[in-house]
Amino acid sequence: MTKILIVDDSADIRLLLSRSLKAVGYDVFQATDGSEVMAAVQSYQPDLVLLDVSMPKVDGFTALGELKNDPRTKSIPVIMITAKGHPDDLDTARNLGALDYINKPWSNGEVELRVQWAITARAQQMAARQQRKAEAEARRSQSDADQSDSLAS
């Protein structure tokens, strides 16, 4: 089952997102502030993080930077969620490595659609990476076989 970590200081937003995502089959975990993100990611090992920008202790941009600077967590897709719709914030989120950015309030079904897109995109990236790795291994094996053949002749 796909695991989603929701990080938002608003209990109402966490509940709304949790219910929406559980209803479409996701396993959902919650954290209340950016200061909890690294521990929550290491504990739950989510497939995606929904991360609020404005939180009291550690804001979402700082938490996103920590996630993307850690080799263990940098590949986890992050979607920022915020009530601030400033273009500069979108640029900041993308520059720090966020995959997407959702403004509050969102449209009915928008979060579920974007989460599904992000999960699908990650799965395709991983499959492509595995395919390239398999092709490289096959080329190495063929090269080794060709070298053995030329040494035998």
N, C-alpha and C. Protein backbone atom coordinates (compact mmCIF):
# COMPACT_ATOMS: atom_id res chain seq x y z
N MET A 1 0.84 -1.18 0.00
CA MET A 1 0.00 0.00 0.00
C MET A 1 0.89 1.24 0.00
N THR A 2 0.52 2.22 -0.78
CA THR A 2 1.28 3.47 -0.87
C THR A 2 1.11 4.28 0.41
N LYS A 3 2.25 4.75 0.94
CA LYS A 3 2.24 5.50 2.20
C LYS A 3 2.48 6.98 1.95
N ILE A 4 1.62 7.81 2.56
CA ILE A 4 1.70 9.26 2.42
C ILE A 4 1.92 9.86 3.81
N LEU A 5 2.88 10.77 3.92
CA LEU A 5 3.09 11.52 5.15
C LEU A 5 2.53 12.93 4.95
N ILE A 6 1.62 13.32 5.82
CA ILE A 6 1.04 14.66 5.79
C ILE A 6 1.68 15.47 6.92
N VAL A 7 2.25 16.63 6.58
CA VAL A 7 2.87 17.48 7.58
C VAL A 7 2.20 18.85 7.51
N ASP A 8 1.42 19.17 8.54
CA ASP A 8 0.70 20.44 8.59
C ASP A 8 0.42 20.75 10.05
N ASP A 9 0.54 22.02 10.44
CA ASP A 9 0.29 22.40 11.82
C ASP A 9 -1.20 22.49 12.13
N SER A 10 -2.05 22.48 11.12
CA SER A 10 -3.49 22.55 11.33
C SER A 10 -4.09 21.14 11.43
N ALA A 11 -4.69 20.85 12.58
CA ALA A 11 -5.32 19.55 12.77
C ALA A 11 -6.46 19.36 11.77
N ASP A 12 -7.18 20.42 11.45
CA ASP A 12 -8.29 20.33 10.50
C ASP A 12 -7.80 19.95 9.11
N ILE A 13 -6.71 20.56 8.67
CA ILE A 13 -6.15 20.25 7.35
C ILE A 13 -5.64 18.81 7.32
N ARG A 14 -4.94 18.40 8.37
CA ARG A 14 -4.45 17.01 8.44
C ARG A 14 -5.61 16.02 8.37
N LEU A 15 -6.68 16.32 9.10
CA LEU A 15 -7.84 15.43 9.10
C LEU A 15 -8.49 15.38 7.72
N LEU A 16 -8.67 16.52 7.09
CA LEU A 16 -9.27 16.59 5.76
C LEU A 16 -8.45 15.81 4.74
N LEU A 17 -7.13 16.06 4.73
CA LEU A 17 -6.26 15.35 3.80
C LEU A 17 -6.24 13.85 4.09
N SER A 18 -6.17 13.52 5.35
CA SER A 18 -6.13 12.12 5.77
C SER A 18 -7.37 11.37 5.29
N ARG A 19 -8.51 11.93 5.55
CA ARG A 19 -9.76 11.28 5.14
C ARG A 19 -9.84 11.12 3.62
N SER A 20 -9.47 12.18 2.91
CA SER A 20 -9.53 12.14 1.44
C SER A 20 -8.61 11.07 0.87
N LEU A 21 -7.39 11.00 1.40
CA LEU A 21 -6.42 10.05 0.86
C LEU A 21 -6.69 8.62 1.30
N LYS A 22 -7.17 8.44 2.52
CA LYS A 22 -7.54 7.09 2.97
C LYS A 22 -8.71 6.56 2.16
N ALA A 23 -9.63 7.45 1.78
CA ALA A 23 -10.82 7.05 1.01
C ALA A 23 -10.45 6.47 -0.36
N VAL A 24 -9.30 6.88 -0.90
CA VAL A 24 -8.89 6.35 -2.20
C VAL A 24 -7.78 5.29 -2.06
N GLY A 25 -7.55 4.83 -0.82
CA GLY A 25 -6.70 3.67 -0.63
C GLY A 25 -5.28 3.89 -0.17
N TYR A 26 -4.93 5.10 0.23
CA TYR A 26 -3.57 5.34 0.71
C TYR A 26 -3.48 5.08 2.21
N ASP A 27 -2.28 4.70 2.64
CA ASP A 27 -1.96 4.56 4.05
C ASP A 27 -1.38 5.92 4.47
N VAL A 28 -1.96 6.56 5.47
CA VAL A 28 -1.61 7.94 5.80
C VAL A 28 -1.02 8.04 7.20
N PHE A 29 0.05 8.84 7.30
CA PHE A 29 0.69 9.16 8.57
C PHE A 29 0.72 10.68 8.69
N GLN A 30 0.83 11.18 9.92
CA GLN A 30 0.78 12.61 10.12
C GLN A 30 1.92 13.11 11.01
N ALA A 31 2.32 14.36 10.74
CA ALA A 31 3.25 15.08 11.60
C ALA A 31 2.72 16.51 11.69
N THR A 32 3.05 17.20 12.78
CA THR A 32 2.45 18.51 13.02
C THR A 32 3.36 19.69 12.72
N ASP A 33 4.63 19.43 12.40
CA ASP A 33 5.55 20.54 12.15
C ASP A 33 6.75 20.05 11.36
N GLY A 34 7.42 20.98 10.69
CA GLY A 34 8.60 20.65 9.92
C GLY A 34 9.72 20.05 10.75
N SER A 35 9.73 20.34 12.04
CA SER A 35 10.77 19.78 12.90
C SER A 35 10.62 18.26 13.06
N GLU A 36 9.45 17.71 12.73
CA GLU A 36 9.19 16.28 12.87
C GLU A 36 9.41 15.51 11.57
N VAL A 37 9.69 16.20 10.48
CA VAL A 37 9.71 15.57 9.16
C VAL A 37 10.75 14.47 9.05
N MET A 38 11.99 14.72 9.39
CA MET A 38 13.04 13.72 9.20
C MET A 38 12.77 12.46 10.02
N ALA A 39 12.38 12.63 11.28
CA ALA A 39 12.09 11.47 12.12
C ALA A 39 10.88 10.70 11.57
N ALA A 40 9.86 11.42 11.13
CA ALA A 40 8.66 10.77 10.59
C ALA A 40 8.98 10.02 9.30
N VAL A 41 9.80 10.61 8.44
CA VAL A 41 10.16 9.96 7.18
C VAL A 41 10.97 8.70 7.46
N GLN A 42 11.90 8.77 8.39
CA GLN A 42 12.70 7.60 8.72
C GLN A 42 11.85 6.51 9.38
N SER A 43 10.87 6.90 10.17
CA SER A 43 10.02 5.95 10.86
C SER A 43 8.99 5.30 9.93
N TYR A 44 8.29 6.13 9.14
CA TYR A 44 7.20 5.63 8.30
C TYR A 44 7.63 5.21 6.90
N GLN A 45 8.75 5.74 6.44
CA GLN A 45 9.24 5.48 5.08
C GLN A 45 8.14 5.70 4.04
N PRO A 46 7.63 6.94 3.96
CA PRO A 46 6.54 7.22 3.03
C PRO A 46 6.99 7.21 1.57
N ASP A 47 6.02 7.01 0.70
CA ASP A 47 6.26 7.07 -0.73
C ASP A 47 6.12 8.50 -1.25
N LEU A 48 5.50 9.37 -0.44
CA LEU A 48 5.28 10.76 -0.82
C LEU A 48 5.04 11.56 0.45
N VAL A 49 5.44 12.84 0.42
CA VAL A 49 5.20 13.75 1.54
C VAL A 49 4.38 14.94 1.05
N LEU A 50 3.30 15.24 1.78
CA LEU A 50 2.54 16.47 1.58
C LEU A 50 2.99 17.40 2.69
N LEU A 51 3.56 18.55 2.32
CA LEU A 51 4.25 19.40 3.29
C LEU A 51 3.74 20.83 3.25
N ASP A 52 3.18 21.28 4.36
CA ASP A 52 2.72 22.66 4.49
C ASP A 52 3.92 23.60 4.49
N VAL A 53 3.74 24.79 3.92
CA VAL A 53 4.83 25.77 3.90
C VAL A 53 4.94 26.49 5.24
N SER A 54 3.83 27.04 5.73
CA SER A 54 3.86 27.88 6.93
C SER A 54 3.54 27.08 8.19
N MET A 55 4.59 26.84 8.97
CA MET A 55 4.44 26.15 10.25
C MET A 55 5.27 26.89 11.28
N PRO A 56 4.88 26.83 12.56
CA PRO A 56 5.50 27.69 13.57
C PRO A 56 6.96 27.40 13.93
N LYS A 57 7.36 26.16 14.07
CA LYS A 57 8.72 25.87 14.52
C LYS A 57 9.68 25.83 13.35
N VAL A 58 9.48 24.87 12.46
CA VAL A 58 10.31 24.73 11.27
C VAL A 58 9.39 24.78 10.07
N ASP A 59 9.61 25.77 9.19
CA ASP A 59 8.71 25.92 8.04
C ASP A 59 8.96 24.83 7.00
N GLY A 60 8.02 24.72 6.07
CA GLY A 60 8.09 23.67 5.07
C GLY A 60 9.29 23.77 4.15
N PHE A 61 9.72 24.99 3.82
CA PHE A 61 10.87 25.14 2.94
C PHE A 61 12.13 24.60 3.61
N THR A 62 12.29 24.88 4.89
CA THR A 62 13.45 24.36 5.63
C THR A 62 13.40 22.84 5.70
N ALA A 63 12.22 22.30 6.00
CA ALA A 63 12.06 20.84 6.07
C ALA A 63 12.31 20.20 4.70
N LEU A 64 11.82 20.85 3.63
CA LEU A 64 12.05 20.35 2.28
C LEU A 64 13.54 20.32 1.97
N GLY A 65 14.25 21.38 2.33
CA GLY A 65 15.69 21.42 2.12
C GLY A 65 16.40 20.28 2.83
N GLU A 66 16.00 19.99 4.06
CA GLU A 66 16.60 18.89 4.81
C GLU A 66 16.35 17.55 4.11
N LEU A 67 15.11 17.35 3.66
CA LEU A 67 14.78 16.10 2.96
C LEU A 67 15.61 15.92 1.69
N LYS A 68 15.72 16.98 0.92
CA LYS A 68 16.39 16.89 -0.38
C LYS A 68 17.91 16.88 -0.26
N ASN A 69 18.45 17.30 0.89
CA ASN A 69 19.90 17.27 1.10
C ASN A 69 20.39 15.99 1.74
N ASP A 70 19.47 15.11 2.11
CA ASP A 70 19.83 13.85 2.74
C ASP A 70 19.75 12.74 1.70
N PRO A 71 20.84 12.03 1.42
CA PRO A 71 20.82 10.98 0.40
C PRO A 71 19.76 9.90 0.66
N ARG A 72 19.40 9.68 1.91
CA ARG A 72 18.41 8.65 2.24
C ARG A 72 16.99 9.08 1.89
N THR A 73 16.74 10.39 1.79
CA THR A 73 15.37 10.87 1.60
C THR A 73 15.18 11.74 0.36
N LYS A 74 16.26 12.02 -0.35
CA LYS A 74 16.15 12.99 -1.45
C LYS A 74 15.26 12.52 -2.60
N SER A 75 15.07 11.22 -2.75
CA SER A 75 14.26 10.74 -3.87
C SER A 75 12.76 10.67 -3.55
N ILE A 76 12.38 10.94 -2.31
CA ILE A 76 10.96 10.92 -1.95
C ILE A 76 10.29 12.16 -2.52
N PRO A 77 9.24 11.98 -3.32
CA PRO A 77 8.55 13.15 -3.88
C PRO A 77 7.85 13.95 -2.78
N VAL A 78 7.92 15.27 -2.92
CA VAL A 78 7.29 16.17 -1.95
C VAL A 78 6.37 17.12 -2.71
N ILE A 79 5.15 17.21 -2.23
CA ILE A 79 4.20 18.19 -2.74
C ILE A 79 3.96 19.20 -1.63
N MET A 80 4.24 20.46 -1.92
CA MET A 80 4.03 21.53 -0.96
C MET A 80 2.55 21.93 -0.98
N ILE A 81 2.01 22.23 0.20
CA ILE A 81 0.63 22.70 0.31
C ILE A 81 0.68 23.99 1.11
N THR A 82 0.02 25.04 0.58
CA THR A 82 0.09 26.32 1.25
C THR A 82 -1.09 27.21 0.96
N ALA A 83 -1.33 28.12 1.87
CA ALA A 83 -2.34 29.16 1.67
C ALA A 83 -1.71 30.36 0.98
N LYS A 84 -0.39 30.36 0.92
CA LYS A 84 0.34 31.45 0.26
C LYS A 84 0.53 31.09 -1.20
N GLY A 85 -0.02 31.90 -2.08
CA GLY A 85 0.07 31.58 -3.49
C GLY A 85 1.03 32.49 -4.24
N HIS A 86 2.08 32.94 -3.59
CA HIS A 86 3.04 33.85 -4.22
C HIS A 86 3.92 33.11 -5.21
N PRO A 87 4.13 33.69 -6.41
CA PRO A 87 5.01 33.05 -7.39
C PRO A 87 6.41 32.78 -6.85
N ASP A 88 6.92 33.67 -5.99
CA ASP A 88 8.25 33.46 -5.41
C ASP A 88 8.29 32.18 -4.57
N ASP A 89 7.18 31.88 -3.88
CA ASP A 89 7.13 30.66 -3.07
C ASP A 89 7.16 29.42 -3.95
N LEU A 90 6.47 29.49 -5.08
CA LEU A 90 6.49 28.37 -6.02
C LEU A 90 7.90 28.16 -6.55
N ASP A 91 8.58 29.24 -6.90
CA ASP A 91 9.97 29.13 -7.36
C ASP A 91 10.87 28.54 -6.28
N THR A 92 10.69 29.00 -5.05
CA THR A 92 11.50 28.49 -3.94
C THR A 92 11.27 26.99 -3.77
N ALA A 93 10.01 26.57 -3.79
CA ALA A 93 9.68 25.16 -3.63
C ALA A 93 10.32 24.31 -4.73
N ARG A 94 10.19 24.75 -5.95
CA ARG A 94 10.76 23.98 -7.07
C ARG A 94 12.28 23.95 -7.00
N ASN A 95 12.90 25.09 -6.66
CA ASN A 95 14.36 25.15 -6.55
C ASN A 95 14.89 24.25 -5.44
N LEU A 96 14.09 24.05 -4.41
CA LEU A 96 14.50 23.18 -3.31
C LEU A 96 14.23 21.71 -3.60
N GLY A 97 13.46 21.43 -4.67
CA GLY A 97 13.23 20.04 -5.05
C GLY A 97 11.81 19.53 -4.91
N ALA A 98 10.85 20.42 -4.63
CA ALA A 98 9.45 19.98 -4.56
C ALA A 98 8.98 19.56 -5.94
N LEU A 99 8.19 18.53 -5.98
CA LEU A 99 7.65 18.03 -7.24
C LEU A 99 6.45 18.85 -7.69
N ASP A 100 5.65 19.31 -6.73
CA ASP A 100 4.43 20.04 -7.06
C ASP A 100 4.10 20.99 -5.91
N TYR A 101 3.08 21.81 -6.14
CA TYR A 101 2.72 22.88 -5.21
C TYR A 101 1.22 23.07 -5.30
N ILE A 102 0.50 22.87 -4.20
CA ILE A 102 -0.95 23.00 -4.18
C ILE A 102 -1.33 24.16 -3.28
N ASN A 103 -2.19 25.02 -3.79
CA ASN A 103 -2.68 26.16 -3.00
C ASN A 103 -3.95 25.78 -2.24
N LYS A 104 -4.02 26.26 -0.99
CA LYS A 104 -5.23 26.13 -0.18
C LYS A 104 -6.13 27.33 -0.52
N PRO A 105 -7.40 27.19 -0.63
CA PRO A 105 -8.13 25.93 -0.67
C PRO A 105 -7.98 25.29 -2.03
N TRP A 106 -7.98 23.97 -2.07
CA TRP A 106 -7.83 23.25 -3.32
C TRP A 106 -9.20 22.81 -3.81
N SER A 107 -9.26 22.46 -5.07
CA SER A 107 -10.51 21.99 -5.68
C SER A 107 -10.79 20.56 -5.25
N ASN A 108 -12.04 20.18 -5.28
CA ASN A 108 -12.44 18.81 -4.95
C ASN A 108 -11.73 17.82 -5.87
N GLY A 109 -11.03 16.87 -5.29
CA GLY A 109 -10.32 15.85 -6.05
C GLY A 109 -8.92 16.24 -6.49
N GLU A 110 -8.54 17.50 -6.31
CA GLU A 110 -7.23 17.97 -6.77
C GLU A 110 -6.07 17.27 -6.06
N VAL A 111 -6.14 17.17 -4.76
CA VAL A 111 -5.04 16.55 -4.01
C VAL A 111 -4.88 15.09 -4.41
N GLU A 112 -5.99 14.36 -4.48
CA GLU A 112 -5.92 12.95 -4.85
C GLU A 112 -5.32 12.78 -6.24
N LEU A 113 -5.70 13.64 -7.17
CA LEU A 113 -5.19 13.58 -8.54
C LEU A 113 -3.69 13.86 -8.59
N ARG A 114 -3.26 14.87 -7.89
CA ARG A 114 -1.83 15.21 -7.89
C ARG A 114 -0.99 14.18 -7.17
N VAL A 115 -1.52 13.61 -6.10
CA VAL A 115 -0.80 12.55 -5.40
C VAL A 115 -0.65 11.34 -6.32
N GLN A 116 -1.73 10.96 -7.00
CA GLN A 116 -1.66 9.82 -7.93
C GLN A 116 -0.65 10.09 -9.04
N TRP A 117 -0.65 11.30 -9.57
CA TRP A 117 0.31 11.67 -10.61
C TRP A 117 1.74 11.54 -10.09
N ALA A 118 1.98 12.05 -8.89
CA ALA A 118 3.34 12.01 -8.32
C ALA A 118 3.79 10.58 -8.07
N ILE A 119 2.91 9.74 -7.56
CA ILE A 119 3.25 8.34 -7.30
C ILE A 119 3.54 7.62 -8.62
N THR A 120 2.72 7.88 -9.63
CA THR A 120 2.93 7.26 -10.94
C THR A 120 4.24 7.73 -11.56
N ALA A 121 4.51 9.02 -11.48
CA ALA A 121 5.75 9.57 -12.04
C ALA A 121 6.97 8.95 -11.35
N ARG A 122 6.91 8.79 -10.04
CA ARG A 122 8.03 8.19 -9.31
C ARG A 122 8.23 6.73 -9.73
N ALA A 123 7.13 6.00 -9.87
CA ALA A 123 7.22 4.60 -10.28
C ALA A 123 7.83 4.49 -11.68
N GLN A 124 7.45 5.39 -12.58
CA GLN A 124 8.01 5.38 -13.92
C GLN A 124 9.50 5.71 -13.90
N GLN A 125 9.90 6.67 -13.07
CA GLN A 125 11.32 7.01 -12.95
C GLN A 125 12.12 5.82 -12.43
N MET A 126 11.59 5.15 -11.43
CA MET A 126 12.29 4.01 -10.86
C MET A 126 12.39 2.87 -11.87
N ALA A 127 11.33 2.64 -12.63
CA ALA A 127 11.36 1.59 -13.66
C ALA A 127 12.37 1.93 -14.74
N ALA A 128 12.41 3.20 -15.15
CA ALA A 128 13.38 3.62 -16.18
C ALA A 128 14.80 3.47 -15.65
N ARG A 129 15.03 3.80 -14.40
CA ARG A 129 16.36 3.66 -13.79
C ARG A 129 16.77 2.19 -13.75
N GLN A 130 15.84 1.31 -13.39
CA GLN A 130 16.15 -0.12 -13.35
C GLN A 130 16.42 -0.65 -14.76
N GLN A 131 15.68 -0.16 -15.74
CA GLN A 131 15.89 -0.58 -17.13
C GLN A 131 17.27 -0.16 -17.61
N ARG A 132 17.66 1.09 -17.32
CA ARG A 132 18.99 1.56 -17.73
C ARG A 132 20.08 0.75 -17.04
N LYS A 133 19.88 0.42 -15.79
CA LYS A 133 20.85 -0.38 -15.05
C LYS A 133 20.98 -1.77 -15.66
N ALA A 134 19.85 -2.39 -16.01
CA ALA A 134 19.87 -3.72 -16.63
C ALA A 134 20.54 -3.67 -17.99
N GLU A 135 20.27 -2.62 -18.76
CA GLU A 135 20.90 -2.48 -20.08
C GLU A 135 22.42 -2.29 -19.95
N ALA A 136 22.83 -1.50 -18.98
CA ALA A 136 24.27 -1.29 -18.76
C ALA A 136 24.94 -2.60 -18.35
N GLU A 137 24.28 -3.36 -17.50
CA GLU A 137 24.83 -4.65 -17.07
C GLU A 137 24.92 -5.61 -18.26
N ALA A 138 23.91 -5.60 -19.11
CA ALA A 138 23.93 -6.47 -20.30
C ALA A 138 25.08 -6.07 -21.23
N ARG A 139 25.30 -4.76 -21.39
CA ARG A 139 26.42 -4.29 -22.23
C ARG A 139 27.75 -4.71 -21.63
N ARG A 140 27.90 -4.62 -20.31
CA ARG A 140 29.14 -5.05 -19.66
C ARG A 140 29.35 -6.55 -19.85
N SER A 141 28.30 -7.31 -19.69
CA SER A 141 28.40 -8.77 -19.87
C SER A 141 28.79 -9.11 -21.30
N GLN A 142 28.20 -8.42 -22.26
CA GLN A 142 28.51 -8.66 -23.67
C GLN A 142 29.96 -8.27 -23.96
N SER A 143 30.39 -7.16 -23.39
CA SER A 143 31.77 -6.71 -23.59
C SER A 143 32.75 -7.72 -23.00
N ASP A 144 32.43 -8.23 -21.80
CA ASP A 144 33.28 -9.25 -21.18
C ASP A 144 33.33 -10.52 -22.03
N ALA A 145 32.18 -10.91 -22.57
CA ALA A 145 32.13 -12.10 -23.43
C ALA A 145 32.93 -11.88 -24.71
N ASP A 146 32.82 -10.68 -25.30
CA ASP A 146 33.57 -10.37 -26.52
C ASP A 146 35.07 -10.41 -26.24
N GLN A 147 35.50 -9.88 -25.08
CA GLN A 147 36.91 -9.89 -24.72
C GLN A 147 37.40 -11.33 -24.52
N SER A 148 36.59 -12.16 -23.89
CA SER A 148 36.96 -13.57 -23.68
C SER A 148 37.10 -14.29 -25.01
N ASP A 149 36.18 -14.00 -25.94
CA ASP A 149 36.24 -14.62 -27.26
C ASP A 149 37.49 -14.20 -28.01
N SER A 150 37.85 -12.91 -27.93
CA SER A 150 39.03 -12.44 -28.67
C SER A 150 40.32 -12.97 -28.03
N LEU A 151 40.34 -13.18 -26.73
CA LEU A 151 41.51 -13.76 -26.08
C LEU A 151 41.66 -15.23 -26.43
N ALA A 152 40.53 -15.91 -26.60
CA ALA A 152 40.55 -17.35 -26.91
C ALA A 152 40.99 -17.60 -28.35
N SER A 153 40.82 -16.61 -29.24
CA SER A 153 41.18 -16.85 -30.64
C SER A 153 42.62 -16.62 -30.93
